[in-house]
């Protein structure tokens, strides 16, 4: 996995929770995310100049829209850190779904890393599973399942240009959000802070986030990419601790440590393969010199 993709993805993802929740002070959840998708889609289409219309992009759009909708409603009830941990529990769902939908067989390390990473996420959220927090947790887990599914179709569509896939899925994905918003409580206050929030969630956590995610899924398996995304909740937890000055609980720290272990195990196979190739190249060079 290339650091030039991972680093911006993790940093942008970690800040999206504050901006997204602040938007809910000015507009209803589906309108907030519908605007996010529409603005991001128009930006991407300005570059791609093409909308893809086929079965796979329709599925990507539907599952992406569902994932984002469940996530934003869940964010109303859980903390930024808990939302990040639960929404990035994708690997436990992505690994079997990738095999079922696109016949991408995971390695044993990817399966083990996903299971360990999810165990860390479960440990992290144990103290907050009650009342409205439980409802928010269930909604966010639903977002993780939908997110894993649209990630799989992102990978399946790697034969198309990334900007065309991402732009098309944004525009199409905004339609159901706007369509269902009147049924789930509509309100809209066009005050200045709303536009600042929209600017971040549509450009950085919209265009940059989804485009980078698509690029990562083109280069590596669904299991490896989604497991690496456990770095997002870890970073979000650190930011939340700095912002609130409230240190994480012992269970939270244990959960983070277990998630790190899952990331390492899922990606360690690639690390050792690269080291073996480098070592083999060096031996070849030495033998030629000899």
C-alpha atoms as a PDB file:
ATOM      1  CA  UNK A   1       0.000   0.000   0.000  1.00  0.00           C
ATOM      2  CA  UNK A   2       1.426   3.391  -0.972  1.00  0.00           C
ATOM      3  CA  UNK A   3       1.866   6.007   1.755  1.00  0.00           C
ATOM      4  CA  UNK A   4       0.872   8.778  -0.649  1.00  0.00           C
ATOM      5  CA  UNK A   5      -2.638   7.327  -0.574  1.00  0.00           C
ATOM      6  CA  UNK A   6      -2.827   6.193   3.049  1.00  0.00           C
ATOM      7  CA  UNK A   7      -1.603   9.385   4.752  1.00  0.00           C
ATOM      8  CA  UNK A   8      -4.042  11.855   3.112  1.00  0.00           C
ATOM      9  CA  UNK A   9      -6.886   9.354   3.422  1.00  0.00           C
ATOM     10  CA  UNK A  10      -6.367   8.884   7.154  1.00  0.00           C
ATOM     11  CA  UNK A  11      -5.885  12.595   7.915  1.00  0.00           C
ATOM     12  CA  UNK A  12      -8.914  13.744   5.901  1.00  0.00           C
ATOM     13  CA  UNK A  13     -11.089  10.968   7.354  1.00  0.00           C
ATOM     14  CA  UNK A  14     -10.141  11.821  10.924  1.00  0.00           C
ATOM     15  CA  UNK A  15     -11.503  15.383  10.650  1.00  0.00           C
ATOM     16  CA  UNK A  16     -14.693  14.626   8.732  1.00  0.00           C
ATOM     17  CA  UNK A  17     -16.667  13.717  11.864  1.00  0.00           C
ATOM     18  CA  UNK A  18     -16.538  17.215  13.382  1.00  0.00           C
ATOM     19  CA  UNK A  19     -17.566  18.947  10.158  1.00  0.00           C
ATOM     20  CA  UNK A  20     -20.324  16.439   9.395  1.00  0.00           C
ATOM     21  CA  UNK A  21     -21.893  16.619  12.840  1.00  0.00           C
ATOM     22  CA  UNK A  22     -21.748  20.426  12.806  1.00  0.00           C
ATOM     23  CA  UNK A  23     -23.741  20.409   9.554  1.00  0.00           C
ATOM     24  CA  UNK A  24     -26.619  18.789  11.447  1.00  0.00           C
ATOM     25  CA  UNK A  25     -27.105  22.071  13.342  1.00  0.00           C
ATOM     26  CA  UNK A  26     -28.203  23.689  10.077  1.00  0.00           C
ATOM     27  CA  UNK A  27     -29.739  20.981   7.922  1.00  0.00           C
ATOM     28  CA  UNK A  28     -31.306  17.531   8.144  1.00  0.00           C
ATOM     29  CA  UNK A  29     -28.964  14.520   7.780  1.00  0.00           C
ATOM     30  CA  UNK A  30     -30.015  13.393   4.295  1.00  0.00           C
ATOM     31  CA  UNK A  31     -29.937  16.935   2.892  1.00  0.00           C
ATOM     32  CA  UNK A  32     -26.454  17.398   4.380  1.00  0.00           C
ATOM     33  CA  UNK A  33     -25.109  14.254   2.741  1.00  0.00           C
ATOM     34  CA  UNK A  34     -27.111  14.804  -0.461  1.00  0.00           C
ATOM     35  CA  UNK A  35     -25.452  18.197  -0.865  1.00  0.00           C
ATOM     36  CA  UNK A  36     -22.095  16.607  -0.099  1.00  0.00           C
ATOM     37  CA  UNK A  37     -22.546  14.025  -2.851  1.00  0.00           C
ATOM     38  CA  UNK A  38     -23.957  16.463  -5.382  1.00  0.00           C
ATOM     39  CA  UNK A  39     -21.192  19.070  -4.977  1.00  0.00           C
ATOM     40  CA  UNK A  40     -18.473  16.394  -4.969  1.00  0.00           C
ATOM     41  CA  UNK A  41     -20.011  14.765  -8.055  1.00  0.00           C
ATOM     42  CA  UNK A  42     -20.121  18.022 -10.005  1.00  0.00           C
ATOM     43  CA  UNK A  43     -16.471  18.684  -9.150  1.00  0.00           C
ATOM     44  CA  UNK A  44     -15.431  15.233 -10.348  1.00  0.00           C
ATOM     45  CA  UNK A  45     -17.529  15.462 -13.509  1.00  0.00           C
ATOM     46  CA  UNK A  46     -15.856  18.751 -14.369  1.00  0.00           C
ATOM     47  CA  UNK A  47     -12.705  16.666 -14.876  1.00  0.00           C
ATOM     48  CA  UNK A  48     -14.093  13.383 -16.193  1.00  0.00           C
ATOM     49  CA  UNK A  49     -16.874  14.901 -18.375  1.00  0.00           C
ATOM     50  CA  UNK A  50     -18.664  11.556 -18.396  1.00  0.00           C
ATOM     51  CA  UNK A  51     -21.357   9.812 -16.345  1.00  0.00           C
ATOM     52  CA  UNK A  52     -21.178   6.014 -16.336  1.00  0.00           C
ATOM     53  CA  UNK A  53     -24.562   4.297 -16.433  1.00  0.00           C
ATOM     54  CA  UNK A  54     -24.422   0.554 -15.872  1.00  0.00           C
ATOM     55  CA  UNK A  55     -25.434  -2.038 -13.287  1.00  0.00           C
ATOM     56  CA  UNK A  56     -22.221  -1.891 -11.273  1.00  0.00           C
ATOM     57  CA  UNK A  57     -22.153   1.880 -10.880  1.00  0.00           C
ATOM     58  CA  UNK A  58     -25.827   1.771  -9.878  1.00  0.00           C
ATOM     59  CA  UNK A  59     -24.957  -0.745  -7.145  1.00  0.00           C
ATOM     60  CA  UNK A  60     -21.973   1.342  -6.032  1.00  0.00           C
ATOM     61  CA  UNK A  61     -24.205   4.419  -5.827  1.00  0.00           C
ATOM     62  CA  UNK A  62     -26.976   2.662  -3.877  1.00  0.00           C
ATOM     63  CA  UNK A  63     -24.685   1.043  -1.309  1.00  0.00           C
ATOM     64  CA  UNK A  64     -22.561   4.181  -0.945  1.00  0.00           C
ATOM     65  CA  UNK A  65     -25.660   6.322  -0.425  1.00  0.00           C
ATOM     66  CA  UNK A  66     -27.048   3.839   2.118  1.00  0.00           C
ATOM     67  CA  UNK A  67     -23.727   3.643   3.958  1.00  0.00           C
ATOM     68  CA  UNK A  68     -23.383   7.419   4.217  1.00  0.00           C
ATOM     69  CA  UNK A  69     -27.021   7.855   5.289  1.00  0.00           C
ATOM     70  CA  UNK A  70     -26.759   5.289   8.088  1.00  0.00           C
ATOM     71  CA  UNK A  71     -23.417   6.752   9.165  1.00  0.00           C
ATOM     72  CA  UNK A  72     -24.683  10.340   9.470  1.00  0.00           C
ATOM     73  CA  UNK A  73     -27.733   9.254  11.481  1.00  0.00           C
ATOM     74  CA  UNK A  74     -25.505   7.154  13.729  1.00  0.00           C
ATOM     75  CA  UNK A  75     -23.174  10.119  14.228  1.00  0.00           C
ATOM     76  CA  UNK A  76     -26.028  11.937  16.004  1.00  0.00           C
ATOM     77  CA  UNK A  77     -25.821   9.468  18.904  1.00  0.00           C
ATOM     78  CA  UNK A  78     -22.210   8.328  19.257  1.00  0.00           C
ATOM     79  CA  UNK A  79     -18.884  10.089  19.768  1.00  0.00           C
ATOM     80  CA  UNK A  80     -16.481  10.807  16.917  1.00  0.00           C
ATOM     81  CA  UNK A  81     -14.144   8.051  18.101  1.00  0.00           C
ATOM     82  CA  UNK A  82     -16.886   5.439  18.427  1.00  0.00           C
ATOM     83  CA  UNK A  83     -18.304   6.377  15.020  1.00  0.00           C
ATOM     84  CA  UNK A  84     -14.871   6.027  13.427  1.00  0.00           C
ATOM     85  CA  UNK A  85     -14.205   2.662  15.056  1.00  0.00           C
ATOM     86  CA  UNK A  86     -17.570   1.188  14.103  1.00  0.00           C
ATOM     87  CA  UNK A  87     -17.762   2.613  10.579  1.00  0.00           C
ATOM     88  CA  UNK A  88     -14.284   1.245   9.847  1.00  0.00           C
ATOM     89  CA  UNK A  89     -15.149  -2.249  11.039  1.00  0.00           C
ATOM     90  CA  UNK A  90     -15.596  -2.973   7.310  1.00  0.00           C
ATOM     91  CA  UNK A  91     -12.958  -5.736   6.999  1.00  0.00           C
ATOM     92  CA  UNK A  92     -14.944  -8.324   8.927  1.00  0.00           C
ATOM     93  CA  UNK A  93     -17.720  -7.880   6.355  1.00  0.00           C
ATOM     94  CA  UNK A  94     -15.568  -7.047   3.322  1.00  0.00           C
ATOM     95  CA  UNK A  95     -13.454 -10.188   3.416  1.00  0.00           C
ATOM     96  CA  UNK A  96     -16.344 -12.702   3.022  1.00  0.00           C
ATOM     97  CA  UNK A  97     -18.374 -10.378   0.767  1.00  0.00           C
ATOM     98  CA  UNK A  98     -15.427  -9.895  -1.606  1.00  0.00           C
ATOM     99  CA  UNK A  99     -15.143 -13.654  -1.986  1.00  0.00           C
ATOM    100  CA  UNK A 100     -18.920 -14.042  -2.511  1.00  0.00           C
ATOM    101  CA  UNK A 101     -19.431 -11.130  -4.926  1.00  0.00           C
ATOM    102  CA  UNK A 102     -16.244 -10.921  -7.008  1.00  0.00           C
ATOM    103  CA  UNK A 103     -14.502 -14.212  -6.095  1.00  0.00           C
ATOM    104  CA  UNK A 104     -11.514 -12.415  -4.561  1.00  0.00           C
ATOM    105  CA  UNK A 105     -10.089 -15.012  -2.210  1.00  0.00           C
ATOM    106  CA  UNK A 106      -8.433 -13.432   0.837  1.00  0.00           C
ATOM    107  CA  UNK A 107      -5.120 -14.653   2.195  1.00  0.00           C
ATOM    108  CA  UNK A 108      -5.007 -16.242   5.629  1.00  0.00           C
ATOM    109  CA  UNK A 109      -3.218 -13.159   6.966  1.00  0.00           C
ATOM    110  CA  UNK A 110      -5.971 -10.847   5.650  1.00  0.00           C
ATOM    111  CA  UNK A 111      -8.659 -12.954   7.309  1.00  0.00           C
ATOM    112  CA  UNK A 112      -6.739 -13.117  10.580  1.00  0.00           C
ATOM    113  CA  UNK A 113      -5.953  -9.381  10.455  1.00  0.00           C
ATOM    114  CA  UNK A 114      -9.597  -8.528   9.830  1.00  0.00           C
ATOM    115  CA  UNK A 115     -10.784 -10.695  12.727  1.00  0.00           C
ATOM    116  CA  UNK A 116      -8.219  -9.243  15.114  1.00  0.00           C
ATOM    117  CA  UNK A 117      -8.940  -5.690  13.959  1.00  0.00           C
ATOM    118  CA  UNK A 118     -12.663  -6.145  14.463  1.00  0.00           C
ATOM    119  CA  UNK A 119     -12.031  -7.625  17.911  1.00  0.00           C
ATOM    120  CA  UNK A 120     -10.159  -4.419  18.742  1.00  0.00           C
ATOM    121  CA  UNK A 121     -13.098  -2.339  17.501  1.00  0.00           C
ATOM    122  CA  UNK A 122     -15.476  -4.389  19.663  1.00  0.00           C
ATOM    123  CA  UNK A 123     -13.312  -3.938  22.764  1.00  0.00           C
ATOM    124  CA  UNK A 124     -13.094  -0.202  22.080  1.00  0.00           C
ATOM    125  CA  UNK A 125     -16.872   0.304  22.038  1.00  0.00           C
ATOM    126  CA  UNK A 126     -17.839  -1.947  24.997  1.00  0.00           C
ATOM    127  CA  UNK A 127     -18.303   0.930  27.507  1.00  0.00           C
ATOM    128  CA  UNK A 128     -20.727   2.886  25.268  1.00  0.00           C
ATOM    129  CA  UNK A 129     -23.213   0.190  24.192  1.00  0.00           C
ATOM    130  CA  UNK A 130     -26.427   1.423  25.875  1.00  0.00           C
ATOM    131  CA  UNK A 131     -29.511   3.548  25.102  1.00  0.00           C
ATOM    132  CA  UNK A 132     -29.213   5.953  22.183  1.00  0.00           C
ATOM    133  CA  UNK A 133     -25.546   5.068  21.961  1.00  0.00           C
ATOM    134  CA  UNK A 134     -26.585   1.509  21.178  1.00  0.00           C
ATOM    135  CA  UNK A 135     -28.928   2.774  18.424  1.00  0.00           C
ATOM    136  CA  UNK A 136     -26.120   4.915  17.007  1.00  0.00           C
ATOM    137  CA  UNK A 137     -23.762   1.933  17.158  1.00  0.00           C
ATOM    138  CA  UNK A 138     -26.205  -0.303  15.262  1.00  0.00           C
ATOM    139  CA  UNK A 139     -26.764   2.363  12.581  1.00  0.00           C
ATOM    140  CA  UNK A 140     -23.007   2.813  12.189  1.00  0.00           C
ATOM    141  CA  UNK A 141     -22.451  -0.933  11.916  1.00  0.00           C
ATOM    142  CA  UNK A 142     -25.071  -0.965   9.149  1.00  0.00           C
ATOM    143  CA  UNK A 143     -23.041   1.752   7.451  1.00  0.00           C
ATOM    144  CA  UNK A 144     -19.955  -0.456   7.720  1.00  0.00           C
ATOM    145  CA  UNK A 145     -21.703  -3.382   5.992  1.00  0.00           C
ATOM    146  CA  UNK A 146     -22.934  -1.118   3.173  1.00  0.00           C
ATOM    147  CA  UNK A 147     -19.507   0.527   2.955  1.00  0.00           C
ATOM    148  CA  UNK A 148     -17.815  -2.841   2.585  1.00  0.00           C
ATOM    149  CA  UNK A 149     -20.213  -3.723  -0.238  1.00  0.00           C
ATOM    150  CA  UNK A 150     -19.683  -0.535  -2.248  1.00  0.00           C
ATOM    151  CA  UNK A 151     -15.911  -0.893  -1.761  1.00  0.00           C
ATOM    152  CA  UNK A 152     -16.097  -4.308  -3.404  1.00  0.00           C
ATOM    153  CA  UNK A 153     -17.902  -2.856  -6.420  1.00  0.00           C
ATOM    154  CA  UNK A 154     -15.365  -0.020  -6.537  1.00  0.00           C
ATOM    155  CA  UNK A 155     -12.686  -2.687  -6.972  1.00  0.00           C
ATOM    156  CA  UNK A 156     -14.776  -4.566  -9.511  1.00  0.00           C
ATOM    157  CA  UNK A 157     -14.981  -1.396 -11.645  1.00  0.00           C
ATOM    158  CA  UNK A 158     -11.216  -0.813 -11.697  1.00  0.00           C
ATOM    159  CA  UNK A 159     -11.291  -1.230 -15.469  1.00  0.00           C
ATOM    160  CA  UNK A 160     -12.977   2.205 -15.712  1.00  0.00           C
ATOM    161  CA  UNK A 161     -11.256   5.519 -15.025  1.00  0.00           C
ATOM    162  CA  UNK A 162     -11.282   6.428 -11.342  1.00  0.00           C
ATOM    163  CA  UNK A 163     -12.608   9.964 -11.847  1.00  0.00           C
ATOM    164  CA  UNK A 164     -15.512   8.661 -13.973  1.00  0.00           C
ATOM    165  CA  UNK A 165     -16.503   6.005 -11.428  1.00  0.00           C
ATOM    166  CA  UNK A 166     -16.255   8.311  -8.411  1.00  0.00           C
ATOM    167  CA  UNK A 167     -18.005  11.242 -10.110  1.00  0.00           C
ATOM    168  CA  UNK A 168     -20.836   9.088 -11.454  1.00  0.00           C
ATOM    169  CA  UNK A 169     -21.425   7.378  -8.117  1.00  0.00           C
ATOM    170  CA  UNK A 170     -21.586  10.745  -6.324  1.00  0.00           C
ATOM    171  CA  UNK A 171     -24.192  12.234  -8.654  1.00  0.00           C
ATOM    172  CA  UNK A 172     -26.349   9.098  -8.736  1.00  0.00           C
ATOM    173  CA  UNK A 173     -25.942   8.540  -4.998  1.00  0.00           C
ATOM    174  CA  UNK A 174     -27.308  12.000  -4.180  1.00  0.00           C
ATOM    175  CA  UNK A 175     -30.686  11.196  -5.783  1.00  0.00           C
ATOM    176  CA  UNK A 176     -32.075   8.799  -3.125  1.00  0.00           C
ATOM    177  CA  UNK A 177     -30.865  11.102  -0.341  1.00  0.00           C
ATOM    178  CA  UNK A 178     -32.829  14.063  -1.695  1.00  0.00           C
ATOM    179  CA  UNK A 179     -35.790  11.824  -2.534  1.00  0.00           C
ATOM    180  CA  UNK A 180     -36.163  10.375   0.986  1.00  0.00           C
ATOM    181  CA  UNK A 181     -35.265  13.511   2.965  1.00  0.00           C
ATOM    182  CA  UNK A 182     -38.885  14.851   3.194  1.00  0.00           C
ATOM    183  CA  UNK A 183     -39.984  11.565   4.797  1.00  0.00           C
ATOM    184  CA  UNK A 184     -37.366  11.656   7.580  1.00  0.00           C
ATOM    185  CA  UNK A 185     -37.631  15.231   8.839  1.00  0.00           C
ATOM    186  CA  UNK A 186     -36.546  18.125   6.645  1.00  0.00           C
ATOM    187  CA  UNK A 187     -34.956  21.348   7.854  1.00  0.00           C
ATOM    188  CA  UNK A 188     -32.499  23.752   6.241  1.00  0.00           C
ATOM    189  CA  UNK A 189     -30.856  26.890   7.670  1.00  0.00           C
ATOM    190  CA  UNK A 190     -28.481  28.415   5.088  1.00  0.00           C
ATOM    191  CA  UNK A 191     -26.181  30.099   7.624  1.00  0.00           C
ATOM    192  CA  UNK A 192     -22.448  30.768   6.944  1.00  0.00           C
ATOM    193  CA  UNK A 193     -21.077  27.859   9.055  1.00  0.00           C
ATOM    194  CA  UNK A 194     -23.090  25.422   6.925  1.00  0.00           C
ATOM    195  CA  UNK A 195     -21.153  26.393   3.800  1.00  0.00           C
ATOM    196  CA  UNK A 196     -17.812  25.979   5.576  1.00  0.00           C
ATOM    197  CA  UNK A 197     -18.823  22.494   6.701  1.00  0.00           C
ATOM    198  CA  UNK A 198     -20.125  21.644   3.233  1.00  0.00           C
ATOM    199  CA  UNK A 199     -16.862  22.817   1.698  1.00  0.00           C
ATOM    200  CA  UNK A 200     -14.880  20.330   3.779  1.00  0.00           C
ATOM    201  CA  UNK A 201     -17.203  17.327   3.497  1.00  0.00           C
ATOM    202  CA  UNK A 202     -17.706  17.729  -0.266  1.00  0.00           C
ATOM    203  CA  UNK A 203     -14.128  18.498  -1.350  1.00  0.00           C
ATOM    204  CA  UNK A 204     -11.703  16.954   1.133  1.00  0.00           C
ATOM    205  CA  UNK A 205     -13.852  14.226   2.716  1.00  0.00           C
ATOM    206  CA  UNK A 206     -15.807  13.910  -0.513  1.00  0.00           C
ATOM    207  CA  UNK A 207     -13.651  14.183  -3.630  1.00  0.00           C
ATOM    208  CA  UNK A 208     -10.249  13.472  -2.027  1.00  0.00           C
ATOM    209  CA  UNK A 209     -11.486  10.725   0.293  1.00  0.00           C
ATOM    210  CA  UNK A 210     -13.476   8.672  -2.223  1.00  0.00           C
ATOM    211  CA  UNK A 211     -11.005   9.194  -5.074  1.00  0.00           C
ATOM    212  CA  UNK A 212      -8.104   8.035  -2.887  1.00  0.00           C
ATOM    213  CA  UNK A 213     -10.162   5.068  -1.652  1.00  0.00           C
ATOM    214  CA  UNK A 214     -10.881   4.079  -5.251  1.00  0.00           C
ATOM    215  CA  UNK A 215      -7.168   4.287  -6.137  1.00  0.00           C
ATOM    216  CA  UNK A 216      -6.191   2.104  -3.178  1.00  0.00           C
ATOM    217  CA  UNK A 217      -8.772  -0.522  -4.135  1.00  0.00           C
ATOM    218  CA  UNK A 218      -7.318  -0.641  -7.647  1.00  0.00           C
ATOM    219  CA  UNK A 219      -3.904  -1.639  -6.328  1.00  0.00           C
ATOM    220  CA  UNK A 220      -4.662  -3.974  -3.416  1.00  0.00           C
ATOM    221  CA  UNK A 221      -7.263  -6.486  -2.325  1.00  0.00           C
ATOM    222  CA  UNK A 222     -10.433  -5.424  -0.546  1.00  0.00           C
ATOM    223  CA  UNK A 223      -9.343  -7.233   2.614  1.00  0.00           C
ATOM    224  CA  UNK A 224      -5.987  -5.489   2.807  1.00  0.00           C
ATOM    225  CA  UNK A 225      -7.293  -1.997   2.006  1.00  0.00           C
ATOM    226  CA  UNK A 226     -10.216  -2.139   4.416  1.00  0.00           C
ATOM    227  CA  UNK A 227      -8.041  -3.531   7.204  1.00  0.00           C
ATOM    228  CA  UNK A 228      -5.508  -0.739   6.715  1.00  0.00           C
ATOM    229  CA  UNK A 229      -8.385   1.726   7.204  1.00  0.00           C
ATOM    230  CA  UNK A 230      -8.354   0.821  10.924  1.00  0.00           C
ATOM    231  CA  UNK A 231      -5.735   3.588  11.112  1.00  0.00           C
ATOM    232  CA  UNK A 232      -8.603   6.116  10.759  1.00  0.00           C
ATOM    233  CA  UNK A 233     -10.336   5.421  14.102  1.00  0.00           C
ATOM    234  CA  UNK A 234      -6.965   5.307  15.825  1.00  0.00           C
ATOM    235  CA  UNK A 235      -6.170   8.815  14.539  1.00  0.00           C
ATOM    236  CA  UNK A 236      -9.686  10.050  15.316  1.00  0.00           C
ATOM    237  CA  UNK A 237      -9.361   8.814  18.890  1.00  0.00           C
ATOM    238  CA  UNK A 238      -6.126  10.770  19.319  1.00  0.00           C
ATOM    239  CA  UNK A 239      -7.743  13.935  17.963  1.00  0.00           C
ATOM    240  CA  UNK A 240     -10.780  13.466  20.212  1.00  0.00           C
ATOM    241  CA  UNK A 241      -8.503  13.077  23.242  1.00  0.00           C
ATOM    242  CA  UNK A 242      -6.652  16.298  22.401  1.00  0.00           C
ATOM    243  CA  UNK A 243      -9.901  18.195  21.751  1.00  0.00           C
ATOM    244  CA  UNK A 244     -11.751  17.085  24.901  1.00  0.00           C
ATOM    245  CA  UNK A 245      -8.733  16.668  27.223  1.00  0.00           C
ATOM    246  CA  UNK A 246     -10.357  13.428  28.380  1.00  0.00           C
ATOM    247  CA  UNK A 247      -7.904  10.507  28.298  1.00  0.00           C
ATOM    248  CA  UNK A 248      -9.119   7.271  26.720  1.00  0.00           C
ATOM    249  CA  UNK A 249     -10.193   4.404  28.950  1.00  0.00           C
ATOM    250  CA  UNK A 250      -8.095   1.296  29.466  1.00  0.00           C
ATOM    251  CA  UNK A 251     -10.495  -0.658  27.226  1.00  0.00           C
ATOM    252  CA  UNK A 252     -10.094   1.976  24.495  1.00  0.00           C
ATOM    253  CA  UNK A 253      -6.309   1.693  24.651  1.00  0.00           C
ATOM    254  CA  UNK A 254      -6.481  -2.106  24.537  1.00  0.00           C
ATOM    255  CA  UNK A 255      -8.842  -1.877  21.562  1.00  0.00           C
ATOM    256  CA  UNK A 256      -6.477   0.457  19.709  1.00  0.00           C
ATOM    257  CA  UNK A 257      -3.522  -1.852  20.365  1.00  0.00           C
ATOM    258  CA  UNK A 258      -5.473  -4.844  19.034  1.00  0.00           C
ATOM    259  CA  UNK A 259      -6.495  -2.879  15.922  1.00  0.00           C
ATOM    260  CA  UNK A 260      -2.851  -2.009  15.254  1.00  0.00           C
ATOM    261  CA  UNK A 261      -2.011  -5.701  15.499  1.00  0.00           C
ATOM    262  CA  UNK A 262      -4.720  -6.496  12.940  1.00  0.00           C
ATOM    263  CA  UNK A 263      -3.334  -3.883  10.538  1.00  0.00           C
ATOM    264  CA  UNK A 264       0.157  -5.292  10.845  1.00  0.00           C
ATOM    265  CA  UNK A 265      -0.893  -8.908  10.330  1.00  0.00           C
ATOM    266  CA  UNK A 266      -3.063  -8.106   7.277  1.00  0.00           C
ATOM    267  CA  UNK A 267      -0.214  -6.210   5.599  1.00  0.00           C
ATOM    268  CA  UNK A 268       2.785  -8.170   6.880  1.00  0.00           C
ATOM    269  CA  UNK A 269       2.681 -10.699   4.035  1.00  0.00           C
ATOM    270  CA  UNK A 270       3.302  -7.925   1.508  1.00  0.00           C
ATOM    271  CA  UNK A 271       6.087  -6.499   3.673  1.00  0.00           C
ATOM    272  CA  UNK A 272       7.965  -9.804   3.830  1.00  0.00           C
ATOM    273  CA  UNK A 273       7.468 -10.458   0.115  1.00  0.00           C
ATOM    274  CA  UNK A 274       8.955  -7.055  -0.736  1.00  0.00           C
ATOM    275  CA  UNK A 275      11.895  -7.686   1.598  1.00  0.00           C
ATOM    276  CA  UNK A 276      12.494 -11.073  -0.026  1.00  0.00           C
ATOM    277  CA  UNK A 277      12.462  -9.487  -3.491  1.00  0.00           C
ATOM    278  CA  UNK A 278      14.921  -6.801  -2.410  1.00  0.00           C
ATOM    279  CA  UNK A 279      17.177  -9.414  -0.834  1.00  0.00           C
ATOM    280  CA  UNK A 280      16.992 -11.558  -3.970  1.00  0.00           C
ATOM    281  CA  UNK A 281      17.880  -8.583  -6.174  1.00  0.00           C
ATOM    282  CA  UNK A 282      20.905  -7.795  -4.016  1.00  0.00           C
ATOM    283  CA  UNK A 283      22.098 -11.399  -4.177  1.00  0.00           C
ATOM    284  CA  UNK A 284      21.766 -11.354  -7.968  1.00  0.00           C
ATOM    285  CA  UNK A 285      23.814  -8.178  -8.189  1.00  0.00           C
ATOM    286  CA  UNK A 286      26.517  -9.612  -5.924  1.00  0.00           C
ATOM    287  CA  UNK A 287      26.691 -12.831  -7.930  1.00  0.00           C
ATOM    288  CA  UNK A 288      27.084 -10.844 -11.169  1.00  0.00           C
ATOM    289  CA  UNK A 289      29.900  -8.806  -9.644  1.00  0.00           C
ATOM    290  CA  UNK A 290      31.562 -11.991  -8.430  1.00  0.00           C
END
